Amino acid sequence: MSSQDPRGISMGGYVRGQQPARRDGRRTALLAIAFILLGLVVVSQLGENGIISWLRLRGDLAALEQEVQALEAANAELRQQIDALANDPETLERIAREKYNMRAEGEEVLVVLPPRPAEGTPRSD
């Protein structure tokens, strides 16, 4: 079969109903490249080191930085309490009295009890 039509015009290697083999190879190569690129895009988005993981880790980092700031503030407050207990005898005495019901030598402690309910009245506890 000839690659010219009856009028003598060249058909560029086309035969009716068929394409040249060279074009099939080019299409296959383009499809292969497209699938490879699609695979790379999917892996870059969803993989272990993908964008979605990166965004999640960035959010985790912000939360952890806030937690570090809160812990540093609590740590500073505890250091102040330690310093007060180590260097201020009044603070140490106050805590001993409040927390451990201690008294100074020669000091009397008065304990105030709640009033007893009158007999015959129901107890609230």
C-alpha atoms as a PDB file:
ATOM      1  CA  MET A   1       0.000   0.000   0.000  1.00  0.00           C
ATOM      2  CA  SER A   2       1.226   3.464  -0.788  1.00  0.00           C
ATOM      3  CA  SER A   3       1.388   6.373   1.615  1.00  0.00           C
ATOM      4  CA  GLN A   4      -0.035   8.718  -1.018  1.00  0.00           C
ATOM      5  CA  ASP A   5      -3.662   9.265  -1.819  1.00  0.00           C
ATOM      6  CA  PRO A   6      -4.861   9.005  -5.408  1.00  0.00           C
ATOM      7  CA  ARG A   7      -4.248  12.723  -5.882  1.00  0.00           C
ATOM      8  CA  GLY A   8      -0.546  12.274  -5.133  1.00  0.00           C
ATOM      9  CA  ILE A   9      -0.560  13.960  -1.711  1.00  0.00           C
ATOM     10  CA  SER A  10       1.740  12.413   0.853  1.00  0.00           C
ATOM     11  CA  MET A  11      -0.059  11.061   3.937  1.00  0.00           C
ATOM     12  CA  GLY A  12       3.037  11.262   6.140  1.00  0.00           C
ATOM     13  CA  GLY A  13       3.365   7.527   6.658  1.00  0.00           C
ATOM     14  CA  TYR A  14      -0.255   7.002   7.693  1.00  0.00           C
ATOM     15  CA  VAL A  15      -2.208   4.086   6.466  1.00  0.00           C
ATOM     16  CA  ARG A  16      -5.930   4.353   6.913  1.00  0.00           C
ATOM     17  CA  GLY A  17      -6.867   2.853  10.334  1.00  0.00           C
ATOM     18  CA  GLN A  18      -3.267   2.607  11.536  1.00  0.00           C
ATOM     19  CA  GLN A  19      -0.764   4.961  13.077  1.00  0.00           C
ATOM     20  CA  PRO A  20       2.923   4.750  12.546  1.00  0.00           C
ATOM     21  CA  ALA A  21       4.902   2.734  15.103  1.00  0.00           C
ATOM     22  CA  ARG A  22       6.970   5.771  16.052  1.00  0.00           C
ATOM     23  CA  ARG A  23       3.903   7.570  17.414  1.00  0.00           C
ATOM     24  CA  ASP A  24       2.884   4.546  19.539  1.00  0.00           C
ATOM     25  CA  GLY A  25       6.288   4.547  21.215  1.00  0.00           C
ATOM     26  CA  ARG A  26       6.064   8.259  21.937  1.00  0.00           C
ATOM     27  CA  ARG A  27       2.607   7.889  23.478  1.00  0.00           C
ATOM     28  CA  THR A  28       3.804   4.993  25.649  1.00  0.00           C
ATOM     29  CA  ALA A  29       6.772   7.041  26.825  1.00  0.00           C
ATOM     30  CA  LEU A  30       4.541  10.020  27.650  1.00  0.00           C
ATOM     31  CA  LEU A  31       2.126   7.793  29.589  1.00  0.00           C
ATOM     32  CA  ALA A  32       5.016   6.237  31.513  1.00  0.00           C
ATOM     33  CA  ILE A  33       6.385   9.679  32.404  1.00  0.00           C
ATOM     34  CA  ALA A  34       2.908  10.861  33.432  1.00  0.00           C
ATOM     35  CA  PHE A  35       2.426   7.844  35.731  1.00  0.00           C
ATOM     36  CA  ILE A  36       5.874   8.318  37.255  1.00  0.00           C
ATOM     37  CA  LEU A  37       5.159  11.998  37.901  1.00  0.00           C
ATOM     38  CA  LEU A  38       1.756  11.133  39.361  1.00  0.00           C
ATOM     39  CA  GLY A  39       3.418   8.587  41.645  1.00  0.00           C
ATOM     40  CA  LEU A  40       5.982  11.160  42.778  1.00  0.00           C
ATOM     41  CA  VAL A  41       3.233  13.677  43.528  1.00  0.00           C
ATOM     42  CA  VAL A  42       1.283  11.112  45.564  1.00  0.00           C
ATOM     43  CA  VAL A  43       4.385  10.069  47.515  1.00  0.00           C
ATOM     44  CA  SER A  44       5.341  13.696  48.173  1.00  0.00           C
ATOM     45  CA  GLN A  45       1.861  14.402  49.526  1.00  0.00           C
ATOM     46  CA  LEU A  46       1.114  11.261  51.488  1.00  0.00           C
ATOM     47  CA  GLY A  47       4.457   9.633  52.240  1.00  0.00           C
ATOM     48  CA  GLU A  48       6.240   9.504  55.582  1.00  0.00           C
ATOM     49  CA  ASN A  49       8.073  12.719  54.744  1.00  0.00           C
ATOM     50  CA  GLY A  50       5.222  14.206  52.712  1.00  0.00           C
ATOM     51  CA  ILE A  51       3.580  17.585  53.000  1.00  0.00           C
ATOM     52  CA  ILE A  52       0.676  16.266  55.074  1.00  0.00           C
ATOM     53  CA  SER A  53       3.082  14.772  57.625  1.00  0.00           C
ATOM     54  CA  TRP A  54       5.086  17.982  57.629  1.00  0.00           C
ATOM     55  CA  LEU A  55       1.983  20.079  58.370  1.00  0.00           C
ATOM     56  CA  ARG A  56       0.973  17.714  61.192  1.00  0.00           C
ATOM     57  CA  LEU A  57       4.475  17.869  62.670  1.00  0.00           C
ATOM     58  CA  ARG A  58       4.476  21.654  62.440  1.00  0.00           C
ATOM     59  CA  GLY A  59       1.253  21.744  64.489  1.00  0.00           C
ATOM     60  CA  ASP A  60       2.771  19.327  67.014  1.00  0.00           C
ATOM     61  CA  LEU A  61       5.834  21.561  67.276  1.00  0.00           C
ATOM     62  CA  ALA A  62       3.703  24.615  68.092  1.00  0.00           C
ATOM     63  CA  ALA A  63       1.864  22.690  70.831  1.00  0.00           C
ATOM     64  CA  LEU A  64       5.141  21.437  72.289  1.00  0.00           C
ATOM     65  CA  GLU A  65       6.626  24.938  72.284  1.00  0.00           C
ATOM     66  CA  GLN A  66       3.622  26.189  74.276  1.00  0.00           C
ATOM     67  CA  GLU A  67       4.039  23.313  76.715  1.00  0.00           C
ATOM     68  CA  VAL A  68       7.736  24.163  77.137  1.00  0.00           C
ATOM     69  CA  GLN A  69       6.851  27.792  77.925  1.00  0.00           C
ATOM     70  CA  ALA A  70       4.291  26.702  80.532  1.00  0.00           C
ATOM     71  CA  LEU A  71       6.778  24.301  82.126  1.00  0.00           C
ATOM     72  CA  GLU A  72       9.492  26.964  82.197  1.00  0.00           C
ATOM     73  CA  ALA A  73       7.103  29.368  83.967  1.00  0.00           C
ATOM     74  CA  ALA A  74       6.180  26.676  86.512  1.00  0.00           C
ATOM     75  CA  ASN A  75       9.871  25.882  86.970  1.00  0.00           C
ATOM     76  CA  ALA A  76      10.670  29.554  87.665  1.00  0.00           C
ATOM     77  CA  GLU A  77       7.889  29.698  90.262  1.00  0.00           C
ATOM     78  CA  LEU A  78       9.194  26.561  91.973  1.00  0.00           C
ATOM     79  CA  ARG A  79      12.720  28.011  92.023  1.00  0.00           C
ATOM     80  CA  GLN A  80      11.356  31.110  93.776  1.00  0.00           C
ATOM     81  CA  GLN A  81       9.654  28.896  96.376  1.00  0.00           C
ATOM     82  CA  ILE A  82      12.888  26.954  96.928  1.00  0.00           C
ATOM     83  CA  ASP A  83      14.803  30.202  97.337  1.00  0.00           C
ATOM     84  CA  ALA A  84      12.219  31.534  99.818  1.00  0.00           C
ATOM     85  CA  LEU A  85      12.347  28.335 101.877  1.00  0.00           C
ATOM     86  CA  ALA A  86      16.147  28.277 101.898  1.00  0.00           C
ATOM     87  CA  ASN A  87      16.750  31.954 102.672  1.00  0.00           C
ATOM     88  CA  ASP A  88      13.657  33.306 104.456  1.00  0.00           C
ATOM     89  CA  PRO A  89      13.017  31.887 107.943  1.00  0.00           C
ATOM     90  CA  GLU A  90       9.590  33.566 108.113  1.00  0.00           C
ATOM     91  CA  THR A  91       8.420  31.671 105.033  1.00  0.00           C
ATOM     92  CA  LEU A  92       9.698  28.420 106.479  1.00  0.00           C
ATOM     93  CA  GLU A  93       7.922  29.102 109.795  1.00  0.00           C
ATOM     94  CA  ARG A  94       4.668  30.057 108.057  1.00  0.00           C
ATOM     95  CA  ILE A  95       4.617  26.836 106.030  1.00  0.00           C
ATOM     96  CA  ALA A  96       5.467  24.762 109.118  1.00  0.00           C
ATOM     97  CA  ARG A  97       2.528  26.304 110.998  1.00  0.00           C
ATOM     98  CA  GLU A  98       0.021  26.086 108.131  1.00  0.00           C
ATOM     99  CA  LYS A  99       0.878  22.745 106.650  1.00  0.00           C
ATOM    100  CA  TYR A 100       2.175  20.744 109.595  1.00  0.00           C
ATOM    101  CA  ASN A 101       0.327  22.410 112.521  1.00  0.00           C
ATOM    102  CA  MET A 102       3.606  23.118 114.290  1.00  0.00           C
ATOM    103  CA  ARG A 103       3.992  25.679 117.074  1.00  0.00           C
ATOM    104  CA  ALA A 104       6.849  27.633 118.524  1.00  0.00           C
ATOM    105  CA  GLU A 105       8.254  26.712 121.945  1.00  0.00           C
ATOM    106  CA  GLY A 106       6.119  28.178 124.735  1.00  0.00           C
ATOM    107  CA  GLU A 107       3.274  28.969 122.341  1.00  0.00           C
ATOM    108  CA  GLU A 108      -0.242  27.698 122.974  1.00  0.00           C
ATOM    109  CA  VAL A 109      -2.474  26.548 120.136  1.00  0.00           C
ATOM    110  CA  LEU A 110      -6.220  26.954 120.341  1.00  0.00           C
ATOM    111  CA  VAL A 111      -8.309  24.569 118.291  1.00  0.00           C
ATOM    112  CA  VAL A 112     -11.769  25.817 117.405  1.00  0.00           C
ATOM    113  CA  LEU A 113     -14.249  23.030 116.777  1.00  0.00           C
ATOM    114  CA  PRO A 114     -17.495  23.467 114.872  1.00  0.00           C
ATOM    115  CA  PRO A 115     -20.590  23.696 117.090  1.00  0.00           C
ATOM    116  CA  ARG A 116     -22.337  20.441 117.935  1.00  0.00           C
ATOM    117  CA  PRO A 117     -25.874  20.065 116.630  1.00  0.00           C
ATOM    118  CA  ALA A 118     -28.581  20.161 119.279  1.00  0.00           C
ATOM    119  CA  GLU A 119     -29.946  16.798 120.295  1.00  0.00           C
ATOM    120  CA  GLY A 120     -32.908  15.702 118.246  1.00  0.00           C
ATOM    121  CA  THR A 121     -31.904  17.639 115.117  1.00  0.00           C
ATOM    122  CA  PRO A 122     -30.767  15.581 112.142  1.00  0.00           C
ATOM    123  CA  ARG A 123     -27.086  15.721 111.205  1.00  0.00           C
ATOM    124  CA  SER A 124     -26.218  17.195 107.819  1.00  0.00           C
ATOM    125  CA  ASP A 125     -23.279  14.882 107.095  1.00  0.00           C
END
